[in-house]
Amino acid sequence: MRIAVTGSIATDHLMTFPGSFGDQLIADQLDRVSLSFLVDDLQVRRGGCAANITFGMGCLGLGPILVGAVGADFADYRSWLERHGVDCDSVHVSETHHTARFLCTTDEHHNQIASFYTGAMAEARLIELKPIADRVGGIDLVLISPNDPDAMLRHTDECRQRGIPFAADPSQQLARMSGEQIRQLVDGAAYLFSNDYEKGLIEQKTGWSDAEVLDRVGVRVTTLGPKGAVIDRKGEPSVHVTPAPELGKADPTGVGDAFRAGFLSGVAWGLTLERAGQVGNLTATHVLERVGCQEYELSQKVFLDRFAAAYGQQAADEVAAHIRCHHA
């Protein structure tokens, strides 16, 4: 099963200030703030929703197709993704902009000052899916994850026009998009992904009830953080997928992307939705245990041992027939 993942590709520049932002602010001069913070630490992390999802799928043994826009500075990142099984041949390279960047400084009280540079991501709206499908011999599913809003709408429309099944994952762009735009992204999706808060936001902004959303999508997948995930289909009972126990908690950033990577891998393998959700939960747990969205490693033996401990040996045997982790 060939899955293309459209969405953001970015790098995160994370800095730490060993003091308090509040101590540097003058109450009666907030209309003309001019500050520079000497930071103690800089961590550059690979990120972007589409890149994170394809990385996870590649680590599980699939060959996902990454679709997004980057700058000429993407060479090292491309090499990293390709070494982990990601097809990057359909990534658009801008001639004028850098790859998107998230720059964030955090003080000792965990207050943050951040900026997001869109950069090349704005050119994702120029990407057409048909040449990609022709190059790889057809696409079975397109995941439309957070990206340039115009790109998300274009990819959704093209999937409908060409009869390509698509999965909708508007998440971070829900706040920016209008109800009409969200309806356009969701209607007709084979899968709809969101967390529990985003689920309510989708219903609020579209004006659709939960039942009306289920009338318009094939499968609705809602992640519940430490409570796992729930999978809904019209006319079917909800399936609650319990979380996989973690070894520790380091940073939740990227957990949702990893869940989608695991879930879609299970779908590609032809597993049941419950089993796909279990693969998603365990993949997400690996991200939770590390700082950074792509800093984890998936070992074949360790993954299957943890899967059996969380969901039973029979479940692990079903997954073992398909999974081919990047590490032995």
Protein backbone atom coordinates (compact mmCIF):
# COMPACT_ATOMS: atom_id res chain seq x y z
CA MET A 1 0.00 0.00 0.00
CA ARG A 2 1.52 3.32 -1.10
CA ILE A 3 0.84 6.20 1.28
CA ALA A 4 1.78 9.81 0.56
CA VAL A 5 1.99 12.23 3.48
CA THR A 6 1.56 15.92 2.71
CA GLY A 7 2.31 18.57 5.30
CA SER A 8 4.91 20.71 7.00
CA ILE A 9 8.66 20.07 7.01
CA ALA A 10 10.58 22.23 9.47
CA THR A 11 13.43 22.48 11.93
CA ASP A 12 12.98 23.49 15.57
CA HIS A 13 15.58 25.79 17.17
CA LEU A 14 15.10 25.50 20.93
CA MET A 15 16.98 27.80 23.34
CA THR A 16 17.07 28.14 27.12
CA PHE A 17 17.34 31.43 29.03
CA PRO A 18 18.54 30.93 32.67
CA GLY A 19 16.37 33.66 34.10
CA SER A 20 12.87 35.09 34.01
CA PHE A 21 11.45 37.02 31.07
CA GLY A 22 9.25 38.92 33.50
CA ASP A 23 12.27 40.39 35.29
CA GLN A 24 13.41 42.03 32.07
CA LEU A 25 10.14 43.83 31.33
CA ILE A 26 9.46 47.43 32.41
CA ALA A 27 5.77 47.87 33.12
CA ASP A 28 5.39 51.40 31.71
CA GLN A 29 7.48 50.69 28.58
CA LEU A 30 5.80 47.59 27.18
CA ASP A 31 4.81 49.52 24.06
CA ARG A 32 8.47 49.70 22.97
CA VAL A 33 10.16 46.52 24.13
CA SER A 34 13.73 46.00 22.90
CA LEU A 35 15.42 42.99 24.46
CA SER A 36 18.13 40.48 23.69
CA PHE A 37 18.53 37.29 25.75
CA LEU A 38 21.89 35.54 26.14
CA VAL A 39 20.92 31.87 26.11
CA ASP A 40 22.80 28.90 27.56
CA ASP A 41 21.68 26.18 25.20
CA LEU A 42 20.65 25.63 21.60
CA GLN A 43 19.11 22.42 20.34
CA VAL A 44 18.26 22.03 16.66
CA ARG A 45 15.64 19.35 16.17
CA ARG A 46 14.11 17.94 13.03
CA GLY A 47 10.37 18.50 12.85
CA GLY A 48 7.32 19.30 10.79
CA CYS A 49 4.20 17.14 10.88
CA ALA A 50 4.66 15.38 7.55
CA ALA A 51 8.35 14.74 8.16
CA ASN A 52 7.65 13.36 11.65
CA ILE A 53 4.92 11.04 10.38
CA THR A 54 6.94 9.68 7.47
CA PHE A 55 9.97 9.20 9.74
CA GLY A 56 7.87 7.03 12.06
CA MET A 57 6.44 5.02 9.18
CA GLY A 58 9.91 4.51 7.77
CA CYS A 59 11.16 3.31 11.15
CA LEU A 60 8.36 0.72 11.17
CA GLY A 61 9.48 -0.63 7.82
CA LEU A 62 7.30 1.16 5.29
CA GLY A 63 8.41 3.40 2.43
CA PRO A 64 6.16 6.48 2.79
CA ILE A 65 6.22 9.31 0.25
CA LEU A 66 6.92 12.72 1.75
CA VAL A 67 5.18 15.64 0.03
CA GLY A 68 5.99 19.17 1.11
CA ALA A 69 8.09 22.25 0.37
CA VAL A 70 11.59 23.02 1.66
CA GLY A 71 14.56 25.27 0.99
CA ALA A 72 17.98 24.47 -0.44
CA ASP A 73 19.12 23.94 3.17
CA PHE A 74 17.18 20.64 3.28
CA ALA A 75 20.09 18.44 2.10
CA ASP A 76 21.17 17.06 5.49
CA TYR A 77 17.57 16.58 6.63
CA ARG A 78 16.76 14.78 3.37
CA SER A 79 19.67 12.41 3.90
CA TRP A 80 18.45 11.63 7.43
CA LEU A 81 14.93 10.84 6.27
CA GLU A 82 16.08 8.76 3.31
CA ARG A 83 18.31 6.70 5.61
CA HIS A 84 15.16 5.90 7.57
CA GLY A 85 13.18 4.71 4.57
CA VAL A 86 11.38 7.89 3.50
CA ASP A 87 10.87 8.64 -0.20
CA CYS A 88 11.83 12.33 -0.58
CA ASP A 89 11.85 12.50 -4.38
CA SER A 90 8.59 14.46 -4.47
CA VAL A 91 9.65 17.18 -2.02
CA HIS A 92 9.49 20.62 -3.67
CA VAL A 93 12.67 22.70 -3.23
CA SER A 94 12.19 26.48 -3.21
CA GLU A 95 14.64 28.61 -5.13
CA THR A 96 14.17 31.61 -2.83
CA HIS A 97 13.12 30.53 0.68
CA HIS A 98 14.62 28.54 3.52
CA THR A 99 12.95 25.52 5.07
CA ALA A 100 10.35 26.50 7.67
CA ARG A 101 11.73 27.13 11.16
CA PHE A 102 10.32 27.28 14.65
CA LEU A 103 12.49 29.40 16.98
CA CYS A 104 11.67 29.26 20.67
CA THR A 105 13.35 30.54 23.83
CA THR A 106 12.18 29.15 27.18
CA ASP A 107 12.95 30.78 30.54
CA GLU A 108 13.46 29.09 33.92
CA HIS A 109 9.70 29.27 34.62
CA HIS A 110 8.88 27.55 31.30
CA ASN A 111 7.54 30.76 29.79
CA GLN A 112 8.24 30.88 26.07
CA ILE A 113 8.87 33.49 23.39
CA ALA A 114 8.68 31.96 19.94
CA SER A 115 8.46 32.72 16.24
CA PHE A 116 7.52 30.51 13.30
CA TYR A 117 9.05 31.26 9.92
CA THR A 118 6.85 29.81 7.17
CA GLY A 119 9.50 30.10 4.48
CA ALA A 120 9.30 27.51 1.75
CA MET A 121 6.18 25.94 3.25
CA ALA A 122 4.10 28.59 1.46
CA GLU A 123 5.12 26.99 -1.84
CA ALA A 124 3.49 23.67 -0.93
CA ARG A 125 0.35 25.00 -2.65
CA LEU A 126 2.24 24.62 -5.96
CA ILE A 127 2.54 20.84 -5.60
CA GLU A 128 0.30 18.63 -7.73
CA LEU A 129 -0.32 15.03 -6.68
CA LYS A 130 -0.81 13.41 -10.10
CA PRO A 131 2.87 13.54 -11.15
CA ILE A 132 3.74 11.94 -7.80
CA ALA A 133 1.19 9.17 -8.33
CA ASP A 134 2.54 8.62 -11.86
CA ARG A 135 6.11 8.41 -10.58
CA VAL A 136 5.39 5.71 -7.97
CA GLY A 137 2.77 3.76 -9.91
CA GLY A 138 -0.27 5.05 -8.04
CA ILE A 139 -1.12 6.24 -4.54
CA ASP A 140 -3.52 4.29 -2.31
CA LEU A 141 -3.96 6.94 0.41
CA VAL A 142 -2.95 10.57 0.92
CA LEU A 143 -2.66 11.97 4.44
CA ILE A 144 -3.27 15.71 4.46
CA SER A 145 -1.58 16.95 7.62
CA PRO A 146 -1.02 20.56 8.83
CA ASN A 147 0.61 22.66 6.14
CA ASP A 148 0.09 25.85 4.21
CA PRO A 149 -3.73 26.14 4.34
CA ASP A 150 -4.06 26.65 0.59
CA ALA A 151 -1.96 23.55 0.00
CA MET A 152 -4.19 21.50 2.30
CA LEU A 153 -7.30 22.60 0.40
CA ARG A 154 -5.69 21.99 -2.98
CA HIS A 155 -4.54 18.48 -2.07
CA THR A 156 -7.97 17.63 -0.67
CA ASP A 157 -9.71 18.83 -3.84
CA GLU A 158 -7.32 16.94 -6.08
CA CYS A 159 -7.84 13.72 -4.14
CA ARG A 160 -11.60 14.05 -4.64
CA GLN A 161 -11.25 14.84 -8.33
CA ARG A 162 -8.90 11.93 -8.98
CA GLY A 163 -10.67 9.45 -6.72
CA ILE A 164 -7.70 9.01 -4.38
CA PRO A 165 -8.71 8.11 -0.79
CA PHE A 166 -7.48 10.72 1.68
CA ALA A 167 -7.09 11.15 5.42
CA ALA A 168 -7.79 14.54 7.00
CA ASP A 169 -5.55 15.78 9.81
CA PRO A 170 -6.18 19.54 10.17
CA SER A 171 -5.09 19.74 13.86
CA GLN A 172 -2.79 22.78 14.29
CA GLN A 173 -4.48 24.67 11.46
CA LEU A 174 -7.98 24.45 12.94
CA ALA A 175 -7.58 27.77 14.75
CA ARG A 176 -6.65 29.56 11.53
CA MET A 177 -9.21 28.01 9.19
CA SER A 178 -12.84 28.98 8.78
CA GLY A 179 -15.71 26.57 9.27
CA GLU A 180 -16.21 26.33 5.51
CA GLN A 181 -12.55 25.46 4.95
CA ILE A 182 -12.66 22.78 7.65
CA ARG A 183 -15.81 21.30 6.12
CA GLN A 184 -13.96 21.16 2.80
CA LEU A 185 -11.04 19.30 4.41
CA VAL A 186 -13.17 16.82 6.33
CA ASP A 187 -16.02 15.92 3.97
CA GLY A 188 -15.39 12.58 2.28
CA ALA A 189 -12.23 11.68 4.20
CA ALA A 190 -11.50 7.99 4.61
CA TYR A 191 -9.94 8.82 8.00
CA LEU A 192 -10.21 11.90 10.22
CA PHE A 193 -7.55 12.45 12.90
CA SER A 194 -7.73 14.83 15.86
CA ASN A 195 -7.20 14.96 19.60
CA ASP A 196 -10.17 15.26 21.93
CA TYR A 197 -10.00 19.07 22.12
CA GLU A 198 -9.70 19.39 18.35
CA LYS A 199 -12.67 17.05 17.97
CA GLY A 200 -14.87 19.58 19.75
CA LEU A 201 -13.35 22.45 17.77
CA ILE A 202 -14.13 20.71 14.47
CA GLU A 203 -17.74 20.29 15.52
CA GLN A 204 -18.00 23.87 16.77
CA LYS A 205 -16.52 25.51 13.67
CA THR A 206 -18.24 23.29 11.09
CA GLY A 207 -21.61 23.32 12.87
CA TRP A 208 -21.75 19.53 12.49
CA SER A 209 -22.57 17.20 15.36
CA ASP A 210 -20.47 14.12 16.07
CA ALA A 211 -23.05 12.02 14.23
CA GLU A 212 -22.99 14.37 11.25
CA VAL A 213 -19.20 14.17 11.07
CA LEU A 214 -19.42 10.36 11.09
CA ASP A 215 -21.87 10.60 8.19
CA ARG A 216 -19.14 12.31 6.18
CA VAL A 217 -16.02 10.27 7.01
CA GLY A 218 -15.12 6.60 6.95
CA VAL A 219 -13.26 6.36 10.25
CA ARG A 220 -12.86 8.99 12.98
CA VAL A 221 -9.77 8.60 15.15
CA THR A 222 -9.52 10.69 18.31
CA THR A 223 -6.41 10.61 20.49
CA LEU A 224 -6.94 11.03 24.23
CA GLY A 225 -3.42 11.64 25.54
CA PRO A 226 -2.69 9.37 28.52
CA LYS A 227 -6.08 7.66 28.01
CA GLY A 228 -5.15 6.22 24.62
CA ALA A 229 -7.40 6.67 21.61
CA VAL A 230 -10.95 6.01 20.44
CA ILE A 231 -11.95 4.90 16.94
CA ASP A 232 -15.47 5.54 15.62
CA ARG A 233 -17.40 4.44 12.53
CA LYS A 234 -20.98 5.15 11.61
CA GLY A 235 -23.28 2.46 12.93
CA GLU A 236 -20.47 0.67 14.79
CA PRO A 237 -19.61 0.67 18.49
CA SER A 238 -16.65 2.83 19.51
CA VAL A 239 -13.32 1.06 19.90
CA HIS A 240 -11.23 2.32 22.82
CA VAL A 241 -7.52 1.55 22.45
CA THR A 242 -5.70 1.65 25.76
CA PRO A 243 -2.32 3.40 25.94
CA ALA A 244 0.97 1.55 25.91
CA PRO A 245 2.86 1.98 29.22
CA GLU A 246 5.79 4.39 28.98
CA LEU A 247 9.22 3.99 30.56
CA GLY A 248 9.29 7.70 31.41
CA LYS A 249 8.05 11.07 30.23
CA ALA A 250 10.46 13.49 28.59
CA ASP A 251 8.54 15.67 26.11
CA PRO A 252 5.10 15.27 24.49
CA THR A 253 6.02 17.18 21.32
CA GLY A 254 5.45 14.99 18.28
CA VAL A 255 3.47 12.30 20.07
CA GLY A 256 0.41 12.84 17.85
CA ASP A 257 2.50 12.58 14.70
CA ALA A 258 3.99 9.30 15.91
CA PHE A 259 0.52 7.91 16.64
CA ARG A 260 -0.51 8.68 13.08
CA ALA A 261 2.65 6.99 11.78
CA GLY A 262 1.87 3.82 13.70
CA PHE A 263 -1.83 3.83 12.91
CA LEU A 264 -1.31 4.30 9.18
CA SER A 265 1.34 1.59 9.19
CA GLY A 266 -1.22 -0.79 10.67
CA VAL A 267 -3.71 0.25 8.00
CA ALA A 268 -1.11 -0.37 5.28
CA TRP A 269 -0.50 -3.85 6.69
CA GLY A 270 -4.21 -4.65 6.61
CA LEU A 271 -4.56 -4.96 10.39
CA THR A 272 -7.81 -4.27 12.23
CA LEU A 273 -8.46 -0.71 13.33
CA GLU A 274 -7.95 -1.70 16.96
CA ARG A 275 -4.58 -3.25 16.19
CA ALA A 276 -3.58 -0.23 14.10
CA GLY A 277 -4.46 1.98 17.07
CA GLN A 278 -2.27 -0.16 19.31
CA VAL A 279 0.69 0.22 16.95
CA GLY A 280 0.00 3.96 16.98
CA ASN A 281 -0.06 4.14 20.76
CA LEU A 282 3.22 2.27 21.22
CA THR A 283 4.97 4.34 18.54
CA ALA A 284 3.73 7.50 20.27
CA THR A 285 5.06 6.22 23.59
CA HIS A 286 8.57 6.04 22.12
CA VAL A 287 8.40 9.75 21.26
CA LEU A 288 7.12 10.65 24.73
CA GLU A 289 10.24 9.05 26.21
CA ARG A 290 12.63 11.31 24.26
CA VAL A 291 13.16 15.02 23.71
CA GLY A 292 12.61 15.70 20.03
CA CYS A 293 10.18 14.35 17.46
CA GLN A 294 12.65 12.12 15.63
CA GLU A 295 15.14 11.18 18.33
CA TYR A 296 13.71 7.74 19.12
CA GLU A 297 14.77 4.37 17.76
CA LEU A 298 12.46 1.45 16.99
CA SER A 299 14.06 -1.92 17.59
CA GLN A 300 12.26 -4.97 16.17
CA LYS A 301 12.66 -7.15 19.25
CA VAL A 302 12.09 -4.43 21.83
CA PHE A 303 9.02 -3.09 20.02
CA LEU A 304 7.40 -6.51 19.77
CA ASP A 305 8.26 -7.38 23.39
CA ARG A 306 6.68 -4.14 24.58
CA PHE A 307 3.71 -4.70 22.31
CA ALA A 308 3.13 -8.16 23.77
CA ALA A 309 3.40 -6.78 27.31
CA ALA A 310 0.85 -4.07 26.54
CA TYR A 311 -1.63 -5.90 24.33
CA GLY A 312 -0.94 -9.64 24.56
CA GLN A 313 1.13 -12.18 22.65
CA GLN A 314 -1.52 -12.90 20.04
CA ALA A 315 -1.67 -9.22 19.14
CA ALA A 316 2.13 -9.06 18.95
CA ASP A 317 2.21 -12.11 16.66
CA GLU A 318 -0.21 -10.41 14.26
CA VAL A 319 1.99 -7.32 14.12
CA ALA A 320 5.20 -9.37 13.87
CA ALA A 321 4.03 -10.79 10.55
CA HIS A 322 4.33 -7.31 9.01
CA ILE A 323 6.58 -4.98 10.98
CA ARG A 324 10.18 -4.53 9.94
CA CYS A 325 11.71 -2.01 12.32
CA HIS A 326 14.64 0.13 11.20
CA HIS A 327 16.79 -1.35 14.01
CA ALA A 328 17.17 -5.07 14.67
